[in-house]
Each structure stands twice: as C-alpha cells, then as structure tokens.
C-alpha atoms as a PDB file:
ATOM      1  CA  MET A   1      52.988  56.942 127.641  1.00  0.00           C
ATOM      2  CA  ARG A   2      56.626  57.970 127.410  1.00  0.00           C
ATOM      3  CA  TRP A   3      59.331  55.500 126.477  1.00  0.00           C
ATOM      4  CA  ALA A   4      63.097  55.959 126.169  1.00  0.00           C
ATOM      5  CA  VAL A   5      65.485  54.092 123.868  1.00  0.00           C
ATOM      6  CA  ILE A   6      69.231  54.246 124.437  1.00  0.00           C
ATOM      7  CA  LEU A   7      71.540  53.001 121.685  1.00  0.00           C
ATOM      8  CA  ALA A   8      74.542  51.298 123.270  1.00  0.00           C
ATOM      9  CA  GLY A   9      76.126  49.025 120.687  1.00  0.00           C
ATOM     10  CA  GLY A  10      79.800  48.686 119.824  1.00  0.00           C
ATOM     11  CA  VAL A  11      82.889  48.305 121.972  1.00  0.00           C
ATOM     12  CA  GLY A  12      84.300  51.753 121.175  1.00  0.00           C
ATOM     13  CA  SER A  13      87.466  51.309 119.141  1.00  0.00           C
ATOM     14  CA  ARG A  14      88.311  55.002 119.397  1.00  0.00           C
ATOM     15  CA  PHE A  15      88.960  54.463 123.107  1.00  0.00           C
ATOM     16  CA  TRP A  16      91.431  51.621 122.635  1.00  0.00           C
ATOM     17  CA  PRO A  17      93.285  50.297 124.564  1.00  0.00           C
ATOM     18  CA  LEU A  18      90.958  51.111 127.494  1.00  0.00           C
ATOM     19  CA  SER A  19      87.816  49.813 125.790  1.00  0.00           C
ATOM     20  CA  SER A  20      87.312  46.084 125.338  1.00  0.00           C
ATOM     21  CA  PRO A  21      84.428  43.596 124.969  1.00  0.00           C
ATOM     22  CA  GLU A  22      84.464  43.155 128.754  1.00  0.00           C
ATOM     23  CA  HIS A  23      84.615  46.919 129.348  1.00  0.00           C
ATOM     24  CA  PRO A  24      82.998  48.622 126.350  1.00  0.00           C
ATOM     25  CA  LYS A  25      83.026  52.377 125.911  1.00  0.00           C
ATOM     26  CA  GLN A  26      79.530  52.947 127.285  1.00  0.00           C
ATOM     27  CA  LEU A  27      80.505  51.279 130.579  1.00  0.00           C
ATOM     28  CA  LEU A  28      83.612  53.428 131.074  1.00  0.00           C
ATOM     29  CA  PRO A  29      83.728  56.592 133.244  1.00  0.00           C
ATOM     30  CA  LEU A  30      84.895  58.777 130.389  1.00  0.00           C
ATOM     31  CA  ALA A  31      82.923  61.944 131.119  1.00  0.00           C
ATOM     32  CA  GLY A  32      82.946  61.743 134.933  1.00  0.00           C
ATOM     33  CA  ASP A  33      82.877  59.373 137.888  1.00  0.00           C
ATOM     34  CA  ALA A  34      80.005  57.244 136.516  1.00  0.00           C
ATOM     35  CA  SER A  35      79.970  55.334 133.244  1.00  0.00           C
ATOM     36  CA  LEU A  36      78.472  56.929 130.149  1.00  0.00           C
ATOM     37  CA  LEU A  37      75.516  54.543 130.270  1.00  0.00           C
ATOM     38  CA  GLU A  38      74.895  55.175 133.966  1.00  0.00           C
ATOM     39  CA  ASP A  39      74.889  58.890 133.198  1.00  0.00           C
ATOM     40  CA  ALA A  40      72.413  58.381 130.352  1.00  0.00           C
ATOM     41  CA  LEU A  41      70.007  56.391 132.530  1.00  0.00           C
ATOM     42  CA  ALA A  42      70.209  58.871 135.407  1.00  0.00           C
ATOM     43  CA  ARG A  43      69.674  61.767 132.993  1.00  0.00           C
ATOM     44  CA  ILE A  44      66.426  60.426 131.533  1.00  0.00           C
ATOM     45  CA  ALA A  45      65.040  58.727 134.667  1.00  0.00           C
ATOM     46  CA  PRO A  46      63.018  61.702 136.001  1.00  0.00           C
ATOM     47  CA  LEU A  47      61.227  61.851 132.644  1.00  0.00           C
ATOM     48  CA  VAL A  48      60.950  58.132 131.805  1.00  0.00           C
ATOM     49  CA  PRO A  49      61.132  55.360 134.449  1.00  0.00           C
ATOM     50  CA  ALA A  50      63.461  52.385 134.116  1.00  0.00           C
ATOM     51  CA  GLN A  51      60.493  50.087 133.396  1.00  0.00           C
ATOM     52  CA  ARG A  52      59.943  51.954 130.119  1.00  0.00           C
ATOM     53  CA  THR A  53      63.595  52.505 129.205  1.00  0.00           C
ATOM     54  CA  LEU A  54      65.048  50.175 126.574  1.00  0.00           C
ATOM     55  CA  ILE A  55      68.730  49.703 125.772  1.00  0.00           C
ATOM     56  CA  VAL A  56      69.588  48.374 122.322  1.00  0.00           C
ATOM     57  CA  THR A  57      72.974  46.714 122.045  1.00  0.00           C
ATOM     58  CA  SER A  58      74.714  43.734 120.463  1.00  0.00           C
ATOM     59  CA  ARG A  59      74.422  40.130 121.571  1.00  0.00           C
ATOM     60  CA  ALA A  60      78.091  40.231 122.562  1.00  0.00           C
ATOM     61  CA  LEU A  61      77.496  43.081 125.021  1.00  0.00           C
ATOM     62  CA  ALA A  62      74.002  42.339 126.315  1.00  0.00           C
ATOM     63  CA  ASP A  63      75.010  40.264 129.354  1.00  0.00           C
ATOM     64  CA  VAL A  64      77.769  42.709 130.303  1.00  0.00           C
ATOM     65  CA  ILE A  65      75.294  45.592 130.205  1.00  0.00           C
ATOM     66  CA  ARG A  66      72.616  43.688 132.141  1.00  0.00           C
ATOM     67  CA  GLU A  67      75.129  42.945 134.890  1.00  0.00           C
ATOM     68  CA  ALA A  68      76.283  46.570 135.003  1.00  0.00           C
ATOM     69  CA  MET A  69      72.713  47.980 135.117  1.00  0.00           C
ATOM     70  CA  PRO A  70      70.945  45.995 137.885  1.00  0.00           C
ATOM     71  CA  GLY A  71      68.276  48.678 138.294  1.00  0.00           C
ATOM     72  CA  LEU A  72      67.004  48.070 134.765  1.00  0.00           C
ATOM     73  CA  PRO A  73      64.734  45.090 134.002  1.00  0.00           C
ATOM     74  CA  ALA A  74      66.878  42.468 132.269  1.00  0.00           C
ATOM     75  CA  GLU A  75      64.379  42.124 129.412  1.00  0.00           C
ATOM     76  CA  ASN A  76      64.774  45.849 128.680  1.00  0.00           C
ATOM     77  CA  VAL A  77      68.281  45.196 127.352  1.00  0.00           C
ATOM     78  CA  MET A  78      67.544  44.289 123.734  1.00  0.00           C
ATOM     79  CA  ALA A  79      70.253  42.375 121.873  1.00  0.00           C
ATOM     80  CA  GLU A  80      70.178  42.825 118.094  1.00  0.00           C
ATOM     81  CA  PRO A  81      70.502  39.556 116.154  1.00  0.00           C
ATOM     82  CA  VAL A  82      72.751  41.437 113.714  1.00  0.00           C
ATOM     83  CA  ALA A  83      73.792  45.074 113.364  1.00  0.00           C
ATOM     84  CA  ARG A  84      71.734  46.980 110.791  1.00  0.00           C
ATOM     85  CA  SER A  85      72.523  50.577 111.842  1.00  0.00           C
ATOM     86  CA  THR A  86      70.369  52.997 113.804  1.00  0.00           C
ATOM     87  CA  ALA A  87      67.134  53.031 111.787  1.00  0.00           C
ATOM     88  CA  ALA A  88      66.566  49.301 112.294  1.00  0.00           C
ATOM     89  CA  ALA A  89      67.576  49.420 115.956  1.00  0.00           C
ATOM     90  CA  LEU A  90      65.184  52.272 116.690  1.00  0.00           C
ATOM     91  CA  ALA A  91      62.355  50.735 114.675  1.00  0.00           C
ATOM     92  CA  TRP A  92      62.734  47.498 116.636  1.00  0.00           C
ATOM     93  CA  ALA A  93      62.693  49.236 120.016  1.00  0.00           C
ATOM     94  CA  THR A  94      59.830  51.537 119.024  1.00  0.00           C
ATOM     95  CA  ALA A  95      57.754  48.531 117.959  1.00  0.00           C
ATOM     96  CA  ARG A  96      58.416  46.962 121.361  1.00  0.00           C
ATOM     97  CA  ALA A  97      57.052  50.123 123.021  1.00  0.00           C
ATOM     98  CA  ALA A  98      54.048  50.156 120.687  1.00  0.00           C
ATOM     99  CA  ARG A  99      53.093  46.581 121.585  1.00  0.00           C
ATOM    100  CA  ALA A 100      52.961  47.639 125.227  1.00  0.00           C
ATOM    101  CA  ASP A 101      51.178  50.919 124.514  1.00  0.00           C
ATOM    102  CA  ALA A 102      49.626  51.844 121.170  1.00  0.00           C
ATOM    103  CA  ASP A 103      49.984  55.531 122.065  1.00  0.00           C
ATOM    104  CA  ALA A 104      53.687  55.262 122.939  1.00  0.00           C
ATOM    105  CA  ALA A 105      55.827  58.353 122.465  1.00  0.00           C
ATOM    106  CA  VAL A 106      59.562  57.681 122.255  1.00  0.00           C
ATOM    107  CA  VAL A 107      62.696  59.666 123.054  1.00  0.00           C
ATOM    108  CA  ALA A 108      65.765  58.077 121.469  1.00  0.00           C
ATOM    109  CA  MET A 109      69.365  58.859 122.357  1.00  0.00           C
ATOM    110  CA  HIS A 110      72.898  57.474 122.328  1.00  0.00           C
ATOM    111  CA  ALA A 111      74.769  56.259 125.393  1.00  0.00           C
ATOM    112  CA  ASP A 112      78.028  58.035 124.550  1.00  0.00           C
ATOM    113  CA  TRP A 113      77.131  61.653 125.300  1.00  0.00           C
ATOM    114  CA  ALA A 114      78.253  64.200 127.834  1.00  0.00           C
ATOM    115  CA  VAL A 115      75.555  66.600 129.042  1.00  0.00           C
ATOM    116  CA  ALA A 116      76.340  69.521 131.339  1.00  0.00           C
ATOM    117  CA  ASP A 117      72.749  70.366 132.342  1.00  0.00           C
ATOM    118  CA  ALA A 118      70.565  67.296 132.851  1.00  0.00           C
ATOM    119  CA  GLU A 119      67.476  69.322 133.759  1.00  0.00           C
ATOM    120  CA  ALA A 120      67.709  71.366 130.548  1.00  0.00           C
ATOM    121  CA  PHE A 121      68.183  68.085 128.656  1.00  0.00           C
ATOM    122  CA  ARG A 122      64.904  66.760 130.057  1.00  0.00           C
ATOM    123  CA  GLU A 123      63.142  70.035 129.308  1.00  0.00           C
ATOM    124  CA  ALA A 124      64.227  69.787 125.666  1.00  0.00           C
ATOM    125  CA  ALA A 125      63.086  66.146 125.552  1.00  0.00           C
ATOM    126  CA  ALA A 126      59.692  67.013 127.031  1.00  0.00           C
ATOM    127  CA  THR A 127      59.274  69.871 124.551  1.00  0.00           C
ATOM    128  CA  GLY A 128      60.180  67.570 121.679  1.00  0.00           C
ATOM    129  CA  LEU A 129      57.763  64.866 122.812  1.00  0.00           C
ATOM    130  CA  LEU A 130      54.930  67.365 123.080  1.00  0.00           C
ATOM    131  CA  LEU A 131      55.702  68.694 119.596  1.00  0.00           C
ATOM    132  CA  ALA A 132      55.842  65.162 118.165  1.00  0.00           C
ATOM    133  CA  GLN A 133      52.431  64.369 119.658  1.00  0.00           C
ATOM    134  CA  SER A 134      50.645  67.668 118.994  1.00  0.00           C
ATOM    135  CA  GLU A 135      51.875  68.165 115.403  1.00  0.00           C
ATOM    136  CA  ASP A 136      52.266  64.487 114.424  1.00  0.00           C
ATOM    137  CA  VAL A 137      55.883  64.973 113.354  1.00  0.00           C
ATOM    138  CA  LEU A 138      59.302  63.404 113.851  1.00  0.00           C
ATOM    139  CA  VAL A 139      61.499  65.638 115.989  1.00  0.00           C
ATOM    140  CA  THR A 140      65.234  66.021 116.415  1.00  0.00           C
ATOM    141  CA  VAL A 141      66.900  68.164 119.047  1.00  0.00           C
ATOM    142  CA  GLY A 142      69.504  70.636 117.851  1.00  0.00           C
ATOM    143  CA  ALA A 143      72.287  72.057 120.025  1.00  0.00           C
ATOM    144  CA  ARG A 144      73.455  75.607 119.472  1.00  0.00           C
ATOM    145  CA  PRO A 145      77.059  75.418 118.163  1.00  0.00           C
ATOM    146  CA  THR A 146      79.781  76.627 120.510  1.00  0.00           C
ATOM    147  CA  ARG A 147      82.617  76.241 118.000  1.00  0.00           C
ATOM    148  CA  VAL A 148      83.237  75.528 114.341  1.00  0.00           C
ATOM    149  CA  GLU A 149      82.800  71.759 114.168  1.00  0.00           C
ATOM    150  CA  THR A 150      83.341  69.588 111.088  1.00  0.00           C
ATOM    151  CA  GLY A 151      82.674  66.259 112.819  1.00  0.00           C
ATOM    152  CA  TYR A 152      78.965  66.807 113.521  1.00  0.00           C
ATOM    153  CA  GLY A 153      75.915  66.878 111.312  1.00  0.00           C
ATOM    154  CA  HIS A 154      74.121  70.230 111.121  1.00  0.00           C
ATOM    155  CA  VAL A 155      70.436  71.051 110.762  1.00  0.00           C
ATOM    156  CA  VAL A 156      69.134  74.275 109.194  1.00  0.00           C
ATOM    157  CA  PRO A 157      65.793  75.194 110.844  1.00  0.00           C
ATOM    158  CA  GLY A 158      62.898  76.291 108.647  1.00  0.00           C
ATOM    159  CA  ALA A 159      59.447  77.713 109.286  1.00  0.00           C
ATOM    160  CA  PRO A 160      58.060  77.881 112.845  1.00  0.00           C
ATOM    161  CA  LEU A 161      56.003  74.914 114.021  1.00  0.00           C
ATOM    162  CA  GLY A 162      54.574  74.975 117.533  1.00  0.00           C
ATOM    163  CA  ALA A 163      57.453  75.102 120.020  1.00  0.00           C
ATOM    164  CA  GLY A 164      59.947  74.226 117.291  1.00  0.00           C
ATOM    165  CA  ARG A 165      60.603  74.647 113.600  1.00  0.00           C
ATOM    166  CA  ARG A 166      60.342  72.537 110.524  1.00  0.00           C
ATOM    167  CA  ILE A 167      63.583  71.139 109.146  1.00  0.00           C
ATOM    168  CA  ALA A 168      64.821  73.010 106.093  1.00  0.00           C
ATOM    169  CA  ARG A 169      67.806  70.780 105.359  1.00  0.00           C
ATOM    170  CA  PHE A 170      70.530  68.585 106.816  1.00  0.00           C
ATOM    171  CA  VAL A 171      74.251  69.078 106.216  1.00  0.00           C
ATOM    172  CA  GLU A 172      76.401  66.105 107.203  1.00  0.00           C
ATOM    173  CA  LYS A 173      79.912  66.880 108.515  1.00  0.00           C
ATOM    174  CA  PRO A 174      80.662  70.086 106.578  1.00  0.00           C
ATOM    175  CA  ASP A 175      84.170  71.350 105.903  1.00  0.00           C
ATOM    176  CA  THR A 176      85.502  74.269 107.940  1.00  0.00           C
ATOM    177  CA  ALA A 177      84.271  77.010 105.634  1.00  0.00           C
ATOM    178  CA  ALA A 178      80.807  75.475 105.385  1.00  0.00           C
ATOM    179  CA  ALA A 179      80.630  74.963 109.153  1.00  0.00           C
ATOM    180  CA  GLU A 180      81.458  78.640 109.712  1.00  0.00           C
ATOM    181  CA  SER A 181      78.761  79.655 107.235  1.00  0.00           C
ATOM    182  CA  LEU A 182      76.217  77.351 108.872  1.00  0.00           C
ATOM    183  CA  MET A 183      76.908  78.872 112.284  1.00  0.00           C
ATOM    184  CA  PHE A 184      76.284  82.309 110.791  1.00  0.00           C
ATOM    185  CA  GLN A 185      72.985  81.068 109.311  1.00  0.00           C
ATOM    186  CA  GLY A 186      71.793  79.802 112.701  1.00  0.00           C
ATOM    187  CA  ALA A 187      72.167  76.089 111.956  1.00  0.00           C
ATOM    188  CA  LEU A 188      72.181  73.702 114.911  1.00  0.00           C
ATOM    189  CA  TRP A 189      74.222  70.619 115.660  1.00  0.00           C
ATOM    190  CA  ASN A 190      72.222  67.446 115.121  1.00  0.00           C
ATOM    191  CA  THR A 191      72.578  65.834 118.544  1.00  0.00           C
ATOM    192  CA  GLY A 192      70.990  62.532 117.608  1.00  0.00           C
ATOM    193  CA  MET A 193      68.229  62.871 120.199  1.00  0.00           C
ATOM    194  CA  PHE A 194      65.037  61.964 118.330  1.00  0.00           C
ATOM    195  CA  LEU A 195      61.397  62.001 119.406  1.00  0.00           C
ATOM    196  CA  TRP A 196      58.289  60.554 117.795  1.00  0.00           C
ATOM    197  CA  THR A 197      55.100  58.664 118.366  1.00  0.00           C
ATOM    198  CA  ALA A 198      55.307  54.981 117.537  1.00  0.00           C
ATOM    199  CA  ARG A 199      52.468  55.325 115.003  1.00  0.00           C
ATOM    200  CA  ARG A 200      54.103  58.166 113.078  1.00  0.00           C
ATOM    201  CA  PHE A 201      57.547  56.573 113.042  1.00  0.00           C
ATOM    202  CA  ARG A 202      56.182  53.333 111.606  1.00  0.00           C
ATOM    203  CA  ALA A 203      54.161  55.225 108.983  1.00  0.00           C
ATOM    204  CA  GLU A 204      57.215  57.210 107.861  1.00  0.00           C
ATOM    205  CA  ILE A 205      59.288  54.043 107.555  1.00  0.00           C
ATOM    206  CA  ALA A 206      56.574  52.416 105.455  1.00  0.00           C
ATOM    207  CA  THR A 207      56.501  55.454 103.153  1.00  0.00           C
ATOM    208  CA  HIS A 208      60.122  56.586 102.964  1.00  0.00           C
ATOM    209  CA  THR A 209      62.460  53.790 104.040  1.00  0.00           C
ATOM    210  CA  PRO A 210      62.610  50.916 101.543  1.00  0.00           C
ATOM    211  CA  GLU A 211      65.593  49.534 103.443  1.00  0.00           C
ATOM    212  CA  LEU A 212      63.274  48.658 106.358  1.00  0.00           C
ATOM    213  CA  ALA A 213      59.790  48.438 104.864  1.00  0.00           C
ATOM    214  CA  PRO A 214      60.088  44.733 103.862  1.00  0.00           C
ATOM    215  CA  GLY A 215      60.572  43.847 107.527  1.00  0.00           C
ATOM    216  CA  LEU A 216      57.589  45.709 108.961  1.00  0.00           C
ATOM    217  CA  ARG A 217      55.289  42.700 109.037  1.00  0.00           C
ATOM    218  CA  ALA A 218      57.842  40.716 111.036  1.00  0.00           C
ATOM    219  CA  LEU A 219      58.411  43.752 113.242  1.00  0.00           C
ATOM    220  CA  ASP A 220      54.710  44.051 114.048  1.00  0.00           C
ATOM    221  CA  ALA A 221      54.650  40.373 114.989  1.00  0.00           C
ATOM    222  CA  GLY A 222      57.605  40.743 117.344  1.00  0.00           C
ATOM    223  CA  ASP A 223      59.801  38.559 115.119  1.00  0.00           C
ATOM    224  CA  ALA A 224      63.241  40.121 115.616  1.00  0.00           C
ATOM    225  CA  GLU A 225      65.098  37.500 113.587  1.00  0.00           C
ATOM    226  CA  GLY A 226      62.697  37.894 110.691  1.00  0.00           C
ATOM    227  CA  PHE A 227      62.857  41.686 110.827  1.00  0.00           C
ATOM    228  CA  PHE A 228      66.638  41.957 110.908  1.00  0.00           C
ATOM    229  CA  GLY A 229      66.934  39.305 108.231  1.00  0.00           C
ATOM    230  CA  ALA A 230      64.663  41.269 105.892  1.00  0.00           C
ATOM    231  CA  VAL A 231      66.161  44.746 106.230  1.00  0.00           C
ATOM    232  CA  ARG A 232      69.235  46.603 105.000  1.00  0.00           C
ATOM    233  CA  ALA A 233      71.457  48.896 107.030  1.00  0.00           C
ATOM    234  CA  VAL A 234      70.663  52.605 106.973  1.00  0.00           C
ATOM    235  CA  SER A 235      70.967  55.316 109.586  1.00  0.00           C
ATOM    236  CA  VAL A 236      67.826  56.926 110.971  1.00  0.00           C
ATOM    237  CA  ASP A 237      69.146  60.302 109.813  1.00  0.00           C
ATOM    238  CA  VAL A 238      69.442  59.236 106.169  1.00  0.00           C
ATOM    239  CA  GLY A 239      66.720  56.604 106.023  1.00  0.00           C
ATOM    240  CA  VAL A 240      63.990  58.590 107.750  1.00  0.00           C
ATOM    241  CA  PHE A 241      64.732  62.202 108.663  1.00  0.00           C
ATOM    242  CA  GLU A 242      66.309  63.277 105.381  1.00  0.00           C
ATOM    243  CA  ARG A 243      63.361  61.828 103.433  1.00  0.00           C
ATOM    244  CA  THR A 244      60.324  62.682 105.521  1.00  0.00           C
ATOM    245  CA  GLN A 245      58.175  65.755 104.991  1.00  0.00           C
ATOM    246  CA  ARG A 246      57.233  65.627 108.665  1.00  0.00           C
ATOM    247  CA  GLY A 247      60.559  66.543 110.222  1.00  0.00           C
ATOM    248  CA  ALA A 248      60.872  69.182 112.946  1.00  0.00           C
ATOM    249  CA  ILE A 249      63.554  70.468 115.292  1.00  0.00           C
ATOM    250  CA  VAL A 250      63.626  71.993 118.761  1.00  0.00           C
ATOM    251  CA  THR A 251      66.621  73.776 120.243  1.00  0.00           C
ATOM    252  CA  GLY A 252      68.255  72.410 123.359  1.00  0.00           C
ATOM    253  CA  ASP A 253      70.855  74.363 125.311  1.00  0.00           C
ATOM    254  CA  PHE A 254      72.131  71.754 127.753  1.00  0.00           C
ATOM    255  CA  GLY A 255      75.878  71.558 127.132  1.00  0.00           C
ATOM    256  CA  TRP A 256      75.790  68.578 124.787  1.00  0.00           C
ATOM    257  CA  ASP A 257      78.925  66.878 123.490  1.00  0.00           C
ATOM    258  CA  ASP A 258      79.581  63.624 121.690  1.00  0.00           C
ATOM    259  CA  VAL A 259      82.264  61.654 123.531  1.00  0.00           C
ATOM    260  CA  GLY A 260      83.670  60.280 120.313  1.00  0.00           C
ATOM    261  CA  SER A 261      87.413  59.958 120.919  1.00  0.00           C
ATOM    262  CA  TRP A 262      90.157  60.540 123.463  1.00  0.00           C
ATOM    263  CA  ALA A 263      90.484  64.117 122.229  1.00  0.00           C
ATOM    264  CA  ALA A 264      86.881  64.847 123.302  1.00  0.00           C
ATOM    265  CA  LEU A 265      87.848  64.396 126.947  1.00  0.00           C
ATOM    266  CA  ARG A 266      89.504  67.817 126.823  1.00  0.00           C
ATOM    267  CA  ARG A 267      86.007  69.269 126.397  1.00  0.00           C
ATOM    268  CA  VAL A 268      83.968  67.100 128.762  1.00  0.00           C
ATOM    269  CA  ARG A 269      86.315  66.608 131.741  1.00  0.00           C
ATOM    270  CA  HIS A 270      87.968  69.151 134.007  1.00  0.00           C
ATOM    271  CA  ALA A 271      91.188  70.509 132.527  1.00  0.00           C
ATOM    272  CA  ASP A 272      94.056  72.159 134.402  1.00  0.00           C
ATOM    273  CA  ALA A 273      95.376  75.643 133.652  1.00  0.00           C
ATOM    274  CA  ALA A 274      97.434  74.267 130.759  1.00  0.00           C
ATOM    275  CA  GLY A 275      94.428  72.515 129.203  1.00  0.00           C
ATOM    276  CA  ASN A 276      95.512  69.032 130.270  1.00  0.00           C
ATOM    277  CA  VAL A 277      93.061  66.307 131.307  1.00  0.00           C
ATOM    278  CA  THR A 278      94.251  63.456 133.502  1.00  0.00           C
ATOM    279  CA  HIS A 279      92.886  60.256 135.019  1.00  0.00           C
ATOM    280  CA  GLY A 280      94.692  58.067 137.523  1.00  0.00           C
ATOM    281  CA  ASP A 281      98.263  58.603 138.694  1.00  0.00           C
ATOM    282  CA  ALA A 282      99.213  60.848 135.772  1.00  0.00           C
ATOM    283  CA  HIS A 283     101.753  63.679 135.964  1.00  0.00           C
ATOM    284  CA  LEU A 284     102.222  66.250 133.206  1.00  0.00           C
ATOM    285  CA  VAL A 285     105.224  68.582 133.119  1.00  0.00           C
ATOM    286  CA  ASP A 286     105.740  71.368 130.570  1.00  0.00           C
ATOM    287  CA  SER A 287     102.836  69.917 128.579  1.00  0.00           C
ATOM    288  CA  THR A 288      99.709  71.600 127.202  1.00  0.00           C
ATOM    289  CA  GLY A 289      96.403  70.367 125.781  1.00  0.00           C
ATOM    290  CA  CYS A 290      97.138  66.723 126.545  1.00  0.00           C
ATOM    291  CA  VAL A 291      95.035  63.766 127.672  1.00  0.00           C
ATOM    292  CA  ALA A 292      96.830  61.398 130.047  1.00  0.00           C
ATOM    293  CA  TRP A 293      94.932  58.320 131.294  1.00  0.00           C
ATOM    294  CA  THR A 294      96.366  55.494 133.349  1.00  0.00           C
ATOM    295  CA  ASP A 295      94.755  52.560 135.117  1.00  0.00           C
ATOM    296  CA  GLU A 296      98.113  50.898 135.788  1.00  0.00           C
ATOM    297  CA  GLY A 297     100.535  52.869 137.933  1.00  0.00           C
ATOM    298  CA  PRO A 298     102.239  56.230 137.403  1.00  0.00           C
ATOM    299  CA  LEU A 299     102.303  57.898 134.000  1.00  0.00           C
ATOM    300  CA  VAL A 300     104.574  60.848 133.219  1.00  0.00           C
ATOM    301  CA  VAL A 301     104.140  63.111 130.189  1.00  0.00           C
ATOM    302  CA  TYR A 302     106.938  65.631 129.648  1.00  0.00           C
ATOM    303  CA  GLY A 303     107.155  68.443 127.122  1.00  0.00           C
ATOM    304  CA  LEU A 304     104.280  67.428 124.828  1.00  0.00           C
ATOM    305  CA  THR A 305     101.493  69.455 123.231  1.00  0.00           C
ATOM    306  CA  ASN A 306      98.088  68.102 122.143  1.00  0.00           C
ATOM    307  CA  ALA A 307      99.123  64.523 122.869  1.00  0.00           C
ATOM    308  CA  VAL A 308      97.100  61.523 124.024  1.00  0.00           C
ATOM    309  CA  VAL A 309      98.902  59.058 126.284  1.00  0.00           C
ATOM    310  CA  VAL A 310      96.962  56.060 127.628  1.00  0.00           C
ATOM    311  CA  ARG A 311      98.093  53.108 129.741  1.00  0.00           C
ATOM    312  CA  ALA A 312      95.491  50.351 130.107  1.00  0.00           C
ATOM    313  CA  ARG A 313      95.258  46.548 129.853  1.00  0.00           C
ATOM    314  CA  GLY A 314      99.047  46.277 129.673  1.00  0.00           C
ATOM    315  CA  ILE A 315      99.217  48.472 126.557  1.00  0.00           C
ATOM    316  CA  THR A 316     100.563  52.009 126.171  1.00  0.00           C
ATOM    317  CA  LEU A 317      99.193  54.240 123.428  1.00  0.00           C
ATOM    318  CA  VAL A 318     100.872  57.505 122.419  1.00  0.00           C
ATOM    319  CA  THR A 319      99.309  59.606 119.675  1.00  0.00           C
ATOM    320  CA  THR A 320      98.206  63.159 118.933  1.00  0.00           C
ATOM    321  CA  ALA A 321      94.795  64.623 119.644  1.00  0.00           C
ATOM    322  CA  ASP A 322      94.331  65.116 115.894  1.00  0.00           C
ATOM    323  CA  ARG A 323      94.992  61.440 115.156  1.00  0.00           C
ATOM    324  CA  ALA A 324      92.982  60.072 118.082  1.00  0.00           C
ATOM    325  CA  PRO A 325      89.659  59.886 116.146  1.00  0.00           C
ATOM    326  CA  ALA A 326      91.352  57.563 113.612  1.00  0.00           C
ATOM    327  CA  LEU A 327      92.180  54.741 116.035  1.00  0.00           C
ATOM    328  CA  LYS A 328      89.883  52.297 114.247  1.00  0.00           C
ATOM    329  CA  GLY A 329      92.203  52.523 111.264  1.00  0.00           C
ATOM    330  CA  LEU A 330      95.217  51.973 113.480  1.00  0.00           C
ATOM    331  CA  LEU A 331      93.790  48.758 114.933  1.00  0.00           C
ATOM    332  CA  ASP A 332      93.388  47.304 111.455  1.00  0.00           C
ATOM    333  CA  ARG A 333      97.166  47.641 111.034  1.00  0.00           C
ATOM    334  CA  LEU A 334      98.167  46.047 114.326  1.00  0.00           C
ATOM    335  CA  PRO A 335      98.722  42.317 114.994  1.00  0.00           C
ATOM    336  CA  PRO A 336      95.398  40.690 116.004  1.00  0.00           C
ATOM    337  CA  GLY A 337      96.742  39.662 119.386  1.00  0.00           C
ATOM    338  CA  LEU A 338      97.620  43.259 120.195  1.00  0.00           C
ATOM    339  CA  ALA A 339      94.552  44.923 118.764  1.00  0.00           C
ATOM    340  CA  GLY A 340      92.224  42.372 120.365  1.00  0.00           C
ATOM    341  CA  GLU A 341      88.498  42.104 119.757  1.00  0.00           C
ATOM    342  CA  ARG A 342      86.863  45.388 119.039  1.00  0.00           C
ATOM    343  CA  GLY A 343      83.678  46.992 117.774  1.00  0.00           C
ATOM    344  CA  ALA A 344      82.461  50.235 116.307  1.00  0.00           C
END
C-alpha cells in the first residue's frame, strides 16, 4: 500500500514580500502557472491517490491549505502541534499510514520543488519504493548534478544494491572546491525525496534517533500532542539517514530543483534571451540575469544585472540575486509592521 507525505510547513521568508501567512510559499505559482503544492500533488497522483496522500504543515497554515486543496480529504492535512523539524514530521505521518495499513510504504517529499519531468519523477519514486520493500532499507533519491552547487547536500553512492546503491557518505553543503570534487567522484544531489516501509522507518528511529525514541509509544497510540511534547528537533537526514546502516540511494534524472529563493526562479521559469525572468506587467531594459515580479501594476527595471525586484502587498524589494537567499536575515532587521508575520 503506497502512501505519500508532502512537507509543507513555513510561510517562506525567502520569498518576502510576496509570501505571507495568507499566501505562503507553497501556495504561490513560483515555478509555473499552478502553485508549488498543486504541482506536487499532481506530480505524485498517478502513483499515490489523494486518499493516501498526507500533507504535514503548521497549525497556522492548515486551514489555508485545506481551502486551497479541495480535492484532498481535509483530515489528510496534518497540523503539527509544534515544529520539531523533518524527522518528527515524517515519523508522525508515517505512523498515521501504518495505523491504516501495517504494510505501508511511504514516499516523502517537500512541497517547494520544481520538477521538469513528472513521469521520470514517478519512475524514480516507484524504483525507490520497490528497493525499500525488497531490501528492507531506507532510500533517498539522488539527482545528477548539473552545476557546481554549494547550497545542496550531496550523497556519495557506495556498493550496488538491487536497483540502487548503498550510501557511502553524506556531505552537507560543501564549499566550491569540494562540490567540484564531489561531481568528479559521481556524487549526487540529495533531493530530499525519501522512501521506506513504515516498519523499517520506525525500527531505525528506535535504534538510531534518541531525539525521537522517547515519543514512540505516544506515536503508536496516535497521541500527537504527547509525541511532539516528548521529542527534540532533528532533521531526517541527520537523525536517521546519517546514522543508519540501512541507507540506500537511487538515481533520478527528472530535472529537479529546490525553489529556495527568488534567485532560483532563473532556473525553473522561462528566461528571455538576456536571462531575465518576469511575472506580471514587468519590463526590463538593458538588464541581464534579473528576476522581476509584480502583482501590482507596471514594474520597470533598467540597466541592472543579477538583480531581484519584487512588488507585492504594497512593498517593493530590490536586492541582488546573491543576497536573495538571505532575506530571512533582512526581515529580522526591519520594523515588525513592515516585515509582518513570517515563517521558515
């Protein structure tokens, strides 16, 4: 029985001022005409039906997401009592699947991705699920690097295992020289798509994840408040995959990208001959490599290179593509009334 879990927490501070609690990042059409979350649901639907697709988000966003996703059962939007990072969120959702089906196999992903080839994405997911079930392992999907990238985690594949390989080691966000070396060694980007059986995932948490193990009894009983109150925050990468001896990786060539900041739109949206990406009534003159987004009337960008110019919610942001990933730090320095409510 296949289940899907989509992580969709946080408002998306790196897309300020467009993102807000009422319009969080995952509900914005950043990679195309549909929202990121709509894309994620459509991408996995041929493999896993909506009835077995769970979205994990915050209590602040749950109602907004339920309203935006009418095709998904309302109870399938799971609101965390408190944020405890990805390991806890995925353990909670996996336990929900296991209570419905003891033989549940889970594919976990994030809402904020761009994927060029949805069919190849599903093929990689199906391969990973089969490997997880046949070899009783935890699987991650690795994307073949297309550039030197210091913002992504890397995975070095090891010995062959079925349709994949064992994991030799993880390297988290290497510097430029290390990223170049890893590409030469055949390392893959760690996409954050994970696959496992519910039984194996729980067993690995009990053995290797002391941050979550004290909450397993509450988790088995369906006591979300008790579980989240008993655990400590840790990512699934660090808390499970970097500690397990049952880690494996399959390669997926499906044009994956993490839509992490305004600068990423230059990779995931159509760019003009000068490398500019626009949305709305935006006009760029003598400008190259820019992102110009407006929801509020005309926007003109003249003579800039690698700039990000955004007009939304009555606020205009002008920054560089290099500084765009650091917007969370900017918001901490702005007056509260201007920065507004925001999340991760």
